[in-house]
Amino acid sequence: MVTKLPSQRFTVLLRQLRKERGLSQEVLAERAGLHRNFISLIERGESQPTIDTLFRLADALGVPAVDLVGHISGDEER
C-alpha cells in the first residue's frame, strides 16, 4: 500500500477485505454489531475505530485482529 498513515492503510484494507468476502457494508456492520453508516465513515477515513471495534471487525471478517494490525503497521506487505 502506498498510503503512509496506519489509519489510511486501515481504510483501504477494510474495504479490500470486505469486498474480497463479497460483503456489503450493511452485512459487515450487522456481523460486527455496528451501524452501516459507521462502516462507511471508517472506509472513507472520516472515523477511526476503537480497539474494541477493530476486534469486532476482525471477527466479522474472519481474520485475527493481529493480522489486521500487522498489515497496517507496515510489517507485512499485502
PDB file of N, CA and C in Angstrom:
ATOM      1  N   MET A   1       0.836  -1.168   0.000  1.00  0.00           N
ATOM      2  CA  MET A   1       0.000   0.000   0.000  1.00  0.00           C
ATOM      3  C   MET A   1       0.886   1.237   0.000  1.00  0.00           C
ATOM      4  N   VAL A   2       0.439   2.260  -0.657  1.00  0.00           N
ATOM      5  CA  VAL A   2       1.262   3.448  -0.778  1.00  0.00           C
ATOM      6  C   VAL A   2       0.897   4.542   0.213  1.00  0.00           C
ATOM      7  N   THR A   3      -0.243   4.428   0.898  1.00  0.00           N
ATOM      8  CA  THR A   3      -0.602   5.431   1.879  1.00  0.00           C
ATOM      9  C   THR A   3       0.306   5.301   3.093  1.00  0.00           C
ATOM     10  N   LYS A   4       0.535   6.413   3.771  1.00  0.00           N
ATOM     11  CA  LYS A   4       1.539   6.435   4.819  1.00  0.00           C
ATOM     12  C   LYS A   4       1.010   6.209   6.228  1.00  0.00           C
ATOM     13  N   LEU A   5      -0.095   6.797   6.573  1.00  0.00           N
ATOM     14  CA  LEU A   5      -0.598   6.675   7.933  1.00  0.00           C
ATOM     15  C   LEU A   5      -1.310   5.340   8.132  1.00  0.00           C
ATOM     16  N   PRO A   6      -1.136   4.727   9.308  1.00  0.00           N
ATOM     17  CA  PRO A   6      -1.844   3.468   9.572  1.00  0.00           C
ATOM     18  C   PRO A   6      -3.354   3.598   9.402  1.00  0.00           C
ATOM     19  N   SER A   7      -3.926   4.721   9.814  1.00  0.00           N
ATOM     20  CA  SER A   7      -5.374   4.888   9.669  1.00  0.00           C
ATOM     21  C   SER A   7      -5.789   4.884   8.205  1.00  0.00           C
ATOM     22  N   GLN A   8      -4.956   5.446   7.338  1.00  0.00           N
ATOM     23  CA  GLN A   8      -5.252   5.433   5.902  1.00  0.00           C
ATOM     24  C   GLN A   8      -5.116   4.027   5.342  1.00  0.00           C
ATOM     25  N   ARG A   9      -4.107   3.307   5.792  1.00  0.00           N
ATOM     26  CA  ARG A   9      -3.933   1.925   5.327  1.00  0.00           C
ATOM     27  C   ARG A   9      -5.083   1.048   5.795  1.00  0.00           C
ATOM     28  N   PHE A  10      -5.615   1.345   6.999  1.00  0.00           N
ATOM     29  CA  PHE A  10      -6.719   0.545   7.512  1.00  0.00           C
ATOM     30  C   PHE A  10      -7.971   0.716   6.662  1.00  0.00           C
ATOM     31  N   THR A  11      -8.243   1.940   6.217  1.00  0.00           N
ATOM     32  CA  THR A  11      -9.439   2.155   5.396  1.00  0.00           C
ATOM     33  C   THR A  11      -9.366   1.335   4.115  1.00  0.00           C
ATOM     34  N   VAL A  12      -8.197   1.308   3.512  1.00  0.00           N
ATOM     35  CA  VAL A  12      -8.003   0.540   2.275  1.00  0.00           C
ATOM     36  C   VAL A  12      -8.150  -0.955   2.557  1.00  0.00           C
ATOM     37  N   LEU A  13      -7.521  -1.411   3.630  1.00  0.00           N
ATOM     38  CA  LEU A  13      -7.562  -2.833   3.973  1.00  0.00           C
ATOM     39  C   LEU A  13      -8.980  -3.287   4.309  1.00  0.00           C
ATOM     40  N   LEU A  14      -9.695  -2.499   5.084  1.00  0.00           N
ATOM     41  CA  LEU A  14     -11.058  -2.870   5.455  1.00  0.00           C
ATOM     42  C   LEU A  14     -11.934  -3.031   4.218  1.00  0.00           C
ATOM     43  N   ARG A  15     -11.884  -2.066   3.330  1.00  0.00           N
ATOM     44  CA  ARG A  15     -12.691  -2.134   2.105  1.00  0.00           C
ATOM     45  C   ARG A  15     -12.287  -3.342   1.263  1.00  0.00           C
ATOM     46  N   GLN A  16     -10.981  -3.561   1.140  1.00  0.00           N
ATOM     47  CA  GLN A  16     -10.479  -4.678   0.342  1.00  0.00           C
ATOM     48  C   GLN A  16     -10.957  -6.019   0.902  1.00  0.00           C
ATOM     49  N   LEU A  17     -10.802  -6.221   2.203  1.00  0.00           N
ATOM     50  CA  LEU A  17     -11.212  -7.483   2.813  1.00  0.00           C
ATOM     51  C   LEU A  17     -12.723  -7.679   2.717  1.00  0.00           C
ATOM     52  N   ARG A  18     -13.473  -6.612   2.924  1.00  0.00           N
ATOM     53  CA  ARG A  18     -14.934  -6.701   2.828  1.00  0.00           C
ATOM     54  C   ARG A  18     -15.351  -7.119   1.422  1.00  0.00           C
ATOM     55  N   LYS A  19     -14.754  -6.492   0.424  1.00  0.00           N
ATOM     56  CA  LYS A  19     -15.111  -6.816  -0.960  1.00  0.00           C
ATOM     57  C   LYS A  19     -14.647  -8.210  -1.357  1.00  0.00           C
ATOM     58  N   GLU A  20     -13.461  -8.623  -0.909  1.00  0.00           N
ATOM     59  CA  GLU A  20     -12.963  -9.971  -1.201  1.00  0.00           C
ATOM     60  C   GLU A  20     -13.923 -11.038  -0.680  1.00  0.00           C
ATOM     61  N   ARG A  21     -14.590 -10.723   0.423  1.00  0.00           N
ATOM     62  CA  ARG A  21     -15.518 -11.677   1.017  1.00  0.00           C
ATOM     63  C   ARG A  21     -16.939 -11.513   0.484  1.00  0.00           C
ATOM     64  N   GLY A  22     -17.117 -10.581  -0.440  1.00  0.00           N
ATOM     65  CA  GLY A  22     -18.421 -10.365  -1.047  1.00  0.00           C
ATOM     66  C   GLY A  22     -19.453  -9.797  -0.084  1.00  0.00           C
ATOM     67  N   LEU A  23     -18.988  -9.026   0.882  1.00  0.00           N
ATOM     68  CA  LEU A  23     -19.888  -8.460   1.883  1.00  0.00           C
ATOM     69  C   LEU A  23     -20.230  -7.013   1.554  1.00  0.00           C
ATOM     70  N   SER A  24     -21.467  -6.662   1.759  1.00  0.00           N
ATOM     71  CA  SER A  24     -21.850  -5.254   1.673  1.00  0.00           C
ATOM     72  C   SER A  24     -21.473  -4.599   3.004  1.00  0.00           C
ATOM     73  N   GLN A  25     -21.481  -3.280   3.017  1.00  0.00           N
ATOM     74  CA  GLN A  25     -21.233  -2.576   4.270  1.00  0.00           C
ATOM     75  C   GLN A  25     -22.297  -2.948   5.294  1.00  0.00           C
ATOM     76  N   GLU A  26     -23.513  -3.115   4.830  1.00  0.00           N
ATOM     77  CA  GLU A  26     -24.612  -3.459   5.726  1.00  0.00           C
ATOM     78  C   GLU A  26     -24.406  -4.824   6.377  1.00  0.00           C
ATOM     79  N   VAL A  27     -23.997  -5.808   5.594  1.00  0.00           N
ATOM     80  CA  VAL A  27     -23.784  -7.156   6.136  1.00  0.00           C
ATOM     81  C   VAL A  27     -22.596  -7.157   7.101  1.00  0.00           C
ATOM     82  N   LEU A  28     -21.515  -6.485   6.732  1.00  0.00           N
ATOM     83  CA  LEU A  28     -20.359  -6.407   7.631  1.00  0.00           C
ATOM     84  C   LEU A  28     -20.767  -5.734   8.941  1.00  0.00           C
ATOM     85  N   ALA A  29     -21.509  -4.657   8.836  1.00  0.00           N
ATOM     86  CA  ALA A  29     -21.953  -3.949  10.036  1.00  0.00           C
ATOM     87  C   ALA A  29     -22.803  -4.854  10.926  1.00  0.00           C
ATOM     88  N   GLU A  30     -23.703  -5.577  10.316  1.00  0.00           N
ATOM     89  CA  GLU A  30     -24.565  -6.489  11.072  1.00  0.00           C
ATOM     90  C   GLU A  30     -23.737  -7.549  11.784  1.00  0.00           C
ATOM     91  N   ARG A  31     -22.800  -8.143  11.075  1.00  0.00           N
ATOM     92  CA  ARG A  31     -21.945  -9.181  11.672  1.00  0.00           C
ATOM     93  C   ARG A  31     -21.107  -8.636  12.818  1.00  0.00           C
ATOM     94  N   ALA A  32     -20.710  -7.374  12.714  1.00  0.00           N
ATOM     95  CA  ALA A  32     -19.856  -6.761  13.736  1.00  0.00           C
ATOM     96  C   ALA A  32     -20.658  -6.062  14.830  1.00  0.00           C
ATOM     97  N   GLY A  33     -21.985  -6.004  14.669  1.00  0.00           N
ATOM     98  CA  GLY A  33     -22.815  -5.325  15.650  1.00  0.00           C
ATOM     99  C   GLY A  33     -22.645  -3.812  15.602  1.00  0.00           C
ATOM    100  N   LEU A  34     -22.434  -3.294  14.400  1.00  0.00           N
ATOM    101  CA  LEU A  34     -22.220  -1.861  14.199  1.00  0.00           C
ATOM    102  C   LEU A  34     -23.266  -1.326  13.218  1.00  0.00           C
ATOM    103  N   HIS A  35     -23.307  -0.029  13.071  1.00  0.00           N
ATOM    104  CA  HIS A  35     -24.221   0.588  12.114  1.00  0.00           C
ATOM    105  C   HIS A  35     -23.524   0.698  10.758  1.00  0.00           C
ATOM    106  N   ARG A  36     -24.288   0.493   9.688  1.00  0.00           N
ATOM    107  CA  ARG A  36     -23.716   0.569   8.347  1.00  0.00           C
ATOM    108  C   ARG A  36     -23.059   1.920   8.081  1.00  0.00           C
ATOM    109  N   ASN A  37     -23.659   2.977   8.577  1.00  0.00           N
ATOM    110  CA  ASN A  37     -23.074   4.300   8.371  1.00  0.00           C
ATOM    111  C   ASN A  37     -21.680   4.414   8.989  1.00  0.00           C
ATOM    112  N   PHE A  38     -21.471   3.723  10.107  1.00  0.00           N
ATOM    113  CA  PHE A  38     -20.163   3.759  10.757  1.00  0.00           C
ATOM    114  C   PHE A  38     -19.119   3.049   9.891  1.00  0.00           C
ATOM    115  N   ILE A  39     -19.502   1.943   9.269  1.00  0.00           N
ATOM    116  CA  ILE A  39     -18.596   1.245   8.356  1.00  0.00           C
ATOM    117  C   ILE A  39     -18.209   2.178   7.219  1.00  0.00           C
ATOM    118  N   SER A  40     -19.187   2.871   6.673  1.00  0.00           N
ATOM    119  CA  SER A  40     -18.934   3.824   5.596  1.00  0.00           C
ATOM    120  C   SER A  40     -17.978   4.928   6.045  1.00  0.00           C
ATOM    121  N   LEU A  41     -18.188   5.458   7.242  1.00  0.00           N
ATOM    122  CA  LEU A  41     -17.309   6.507   7.763  1.00  0.00           C
ATOM    123  C   LEU A  41     -15.868   6.008   7.918  1.00  0.00           C
ATOM    124  N   ILE A  42     -15.719   4.782   8.398  1.00  0.00           N
ATOM    125  CA  ILE A  42     -14.377   4.209   8.556  1.00  0.00           C
ATOM    126  C   ILE A  42     -13.725   4.038   7.189  1.00  0.00           C
ATOM    127  N   GLU A  43     -14.453   3.463   6.247  1.00  0.00           N
ATOM    128  CA  GLU A  43     -13.889   3.219   4.918  1.00  0.00           C
ATOM    129  C   GLU A  43     -13.518   4.513   4.193  1.00  0.00           C
ATOM    130  N   ARG A  44     -14.191   5.598   4.508  1.00  0.00           N
ATOM    131  CA  ARG A  44     -13.862   6.885   3.893  1.00  0.00           C
ATOM    132  C   ARG A  44     -12.813   7.653   4.687  1.00  0.00           C
ATOM    133  N   GLY A  45     -12.375   7.094   5.807  1.00  0.00           N
ATOM    134  CA  GLY A  45     -11.362   7.747   6.622  1.00  0.00           C
ATOM    135  C   GLY A  45     -11.888   8.904   7.443  1.00  0.00           C
ATOM    136  N   GLU A  46     -13.202   8.966   7.608  1.00  0.00           N
ATOM    137  CA  GLU A  46     -13.811  10.049   8.374  1.00  0.00           C
ATOM    138  C   GLU A  46     -13.991   9.699   9.837  1.00  0.00           C
ATOM    139  N   SER A  47     -13.772   8.437  10.178  1.00  0.00           N
ATOM    140  CA  SER A  47     -13.849   7.983  11.557  1.00  0.00           C
ATOM    141  C   SER A  47     -12.816   6.875  11.733  1.00  0.00           C
ATOM    142  N   GLN A  48     -12.324   6.745  12.948  1.00  0.00           N
ATOM    143  CA  GLN A  48     -11.356   5.694  13.234  1.00  0.00           C
ATOM    144  C   GLN A  48     -11.935   4.765  14.295  1.00  0.00           C
ATOM    145  N   PRO A  49     -11.757   3.461  14.109  1.00  0.00           N
ATOM    146  CA  PRO A  49     -12.329   2.510  15.060  1.00  0.00           C
ATOM    147  C   PRO A  49     -11.533   2.468  16.360  1.00  0.00           C
ATOM    148  N   THR A  50     -12.231   2.199  17.438  1.00  0.00           N
ATOM    149  CA  THR A  50     -11.558   1.920  18.702  1.00  0.00           C
ATOM    150  C   THR A  50     -10.945   0.524  18.608  1.00  0.00           C
ATOM    151  N   ILE A  51     -10.154   0.158  19.584  1.00  0.00           N
ATOM    152  CA  ILE A  51      -9.558  -1.179  19.582  1.00  0.00           C
ATOM    153  C   ILE A  51     -10.657  -2.244  19.684  1.00  0.00           C
ATOM    154  N   ASP A  52     -11.711  -1.970  20.453  1.00  0.00           N
ATOM    155  CA  ASP A  52     -12.824  -2.922  20.550  1.00  0.00           C
ATOM    156  C   ASP A  52     -13.491  -3.111  19.191  1.00  0.00           C
ATOM    157  N   THR A  53     -13.686  -2.010  18.474  1.00  0.00           N
ATOM    158  CA  THR A  53     -14.297  -2.081  17.146  1.00  0.00           C
ATOM    159  C   THR A  53     -13.397  -2.808  16.170  1.00  0.00           C
ATOM    160  N   LEU A  54     -12.103  -2.607  16.268  1.00  0.00           N
ATOM    161  CA  LEU A  54     -11.147  -3.316  15.414  1.00  0.00           C
ATOM    162  C   LEU A  54     -11.303  -4.827  15.593  1.00  0.00           C
ATOM    163  N   PHE A  55     -11.426  -5.266  16.832  1.00  0.00           N
ATOM    164  CA  PHE A  55     -11.600  -6.695  17.099  1.00  0.00           C
ATOM    165  C   PHE A  55     -12.942  -7.191  16.569  1.00  0.00           C
ATOM    166  N   ARG A  56     -14.000  -6.392  16.695  1.00  0.00           N
ATOM    167  CA  ARG A  56     -15.308  -6.787  16.182  1.00  0.00           C
ATOM    168  C   ARG A  56     -15.280  -6.912  14.662  1.00  0.00           C
ATOM    169  N   LEU A  57     -14.605  -5.969  14.006  1.00  0.00           N
ATOM    170  CA  LEU A  57     -14.489  -6.026  12.550  1.00  0.00           C
ATOM    171  C   LEU A  57     -13.669  -7.242  12.121  1.00  0.00           C
ATOM    172  N   ALA A  58     -12.591  -7.506  12.829  1.00  0.00           N
ATOM    173  CA  ALA A  58     -11.759  -8.664  12.504  1.00  0.00           C
ATOM    174  C   ALA A  58     -12.582  -9.954  12.612  1.00  0.00           C
ATOM    175  N   ASP A  59     -13.332 -10.094  13.696  1.00  0.00           N
ATOM    176  CA  ASP A  59     -14.183 -11.281  13.860  1.00  0.00           C
ATOM    177  C   ASP A  59     -15.202 -11.385  12.727  1.00  0.00           C
ATOM    178  N   ALA A  60     -15.814 -10.258  12.381  1.00  0.00           N
ATOM    179  CA  ALA A  60     -16.825 -10.249  11.321  1.00  0.00           C
ATOM    180  C   ALA A  60     -16.233 -10.607   9.965  1.00  0.00           C
ATOM    181  N   LEU A  61     -14.962 -10.272   9.768  1.00  0.00           N
ATOM    182  CA  LEU A  61     -14.275 -10.581   8.507  1.00  0.00           C
ATOM    183  C   LEU A  61     -13.618 -11.960   8.525  1.00  0.00           C
ATOM    184  N   GLY A  62     -13.583 -12.578   9.702  1.00  0.00           N
ATOM    185  CA  GLY A  62     -12.986 -13.910   9.817  1.00  0.00           C
ATOM    186  C   GLY A  62     -11.471 -13.895   9.780  1.00  0.00           C
ATOM    187  N   VAL A  63     -10.865 -12.841  10.307  1.00  0.00           N
ATOM    188  CA  VAL A  63      -9.405 -12.754  10.369  1.00  0.00           C
ATOM    189  C   VAL A  63      -8.992 -12.385  11.785  1.00  0.00           C
ATOM    190  N   PRO A  64      -7.820 -12.832  12.224  1.00  0.00           N
ATOM    191  CA  PRO A  64      -7.338 -12.418  13.539  1.00  0.00           C
ATOM    192  C   PRO A  64      -7.031 -10.911  13.542  1.00  0.00           C
ATOM    193  N   ALA A  65      -7.396 -10.252  14.619  1.00  0.00           N
ATOM    194  CA  ALA A  65      -7.129  -8.809  14.738  1.00  0.00           C
ATOM    195  C   ALA A  65      -5.643  -8.517  14.583  1.00  0.00           C
ATOM    196  N   VAL A  66      -4.813  -9.412  15.058  1.00  0.00           N
ATOM    197  CA  VAL A  66      -3.362  -9.200  14.947  1.00  0.00           C
ATOM    198  C   VAL A  66      -2.929  -9.125  13.481  1.00  0.00           C
ATOM    199  N   ASP A  67      -3.612  -9.842  12.608  1.00  0.00           N
ATOM    200  CA  ASP A  67      -3.297  -9.771  11.184  1.00  0.00           C
ATOM    201  C   ASP A  67      -3.653  -8.404  10.605  1.00  0.00           C
ATOM    202  N   LEU A  68      -4.793  -7.851  11.047  1.00  0.00           N
ATOM    203  CA  LEU A  68      -5.160  -6.512  10.583  1.00  0.00           C
ATOM    204  C   LEU A  68      -4.100  -5.504  10.995  1.00  0.00           C
ATOM    205  N   VAL A  69      -3.691  -5.572  12.251  1.00  0.00           N
ATOM    206  CA  VAL A  69      -2.685  -4.641  12.752  1.00  0.00           C
ATOM    207  C   VAL A  69      -1.363  -4.852  12.027  1.00  0.00           C
ATOM    208  N   GLY A  70      -1.005  -6.102  11.778  1.00  0.00           N
ATOM    209  CA  GLY A  70       0.228  -6.384  11.056  1.00  0.00           C
ATOM    210  C   GLY A  70       0.234  -5.788   9.659  1.00  0.00           C
ATOM    211  N   HIS A  71      -0.901  -5.855   8.988  1.00  0.00           N
ATOM    212  CA  HIS A  71      -0.999  -5.305   7.643  1.00  0.00           C
ATOM    213  C   HIS A  71      -0.890  -3.789   7.626  1.00  0.00           C
ATOM    214  N   ILE A  72      -1.486  -3.138   8.609  1.00  0.00           N
ATOM    215  CA  ILE A  72      -1.468  -1.684   8.597  1.00  0.00           C
ATOM    216  C   ILE A  72      -0.222  -1.091   9.235  1.00  0.00           C
ATOM    217  N   SER A  73       0.519  -1.915   9.966  1.00  0.00           N
ATOM    218  CA  SER A  73       1.725  -1.394  10.625  1.00  0.00           C
ATOM    219  C   SER A  73       2.882  -1.265   9.654  1.00  0.00           C
ATOM    220  N   GLY A  74       2.754  -1.881   8.487  1.00  0.00           N
ATOM    221  CA  GLY A  74       3.841  -1.843   7.520  1.00  0.00           C
ATOM    222  C   GLY A  74       4.773  -3.023   7.649  1.00  0.00           C
ATOM    223  N   ASP A  75       4.520  -3.884   8.676  1.00  0.00           N
ATOM    224  CA  ASP A  75       5.359  -5.061   8.863  1.00  0.00           C
ATOM    225  C   ASP A  75       5.129  -6.104   7.791  1.00  0.00           C
ATOM    226  N   GLU A  76       3.923  -6.085   7.236  1.00  0.00           N
ATOM    227  CA  GLU A  76       3.580  -7.040   6.179  1.00  0.00           C
ATOM    228  C   GLU A  76       3.175  -6.268   4.943  1.00  0.00           C
ATOM    229  N   GLU A  77       3.592  -6.700   3.811  1.00  0.00           N
ATOM    230  CA  GLU A  77       3.127  -6.118   2.555  1.00  0.00           C
ATOM    231  C   GLU A  77       1.986  -6.971   2.044  1.00  0.00           C
ATOM    232  N   ARG A  78       0.963  -6.343   1.534  1.00  0.00           N
ATOM    233  CA  ARG A  78      -0.195  -7.058   1.022  1.00  0.00           C
ATOM    234  C   ARG A  78      -0.169  -6.999  -0.468  1.00  0.00           C
TER     235      ARG A  78
END
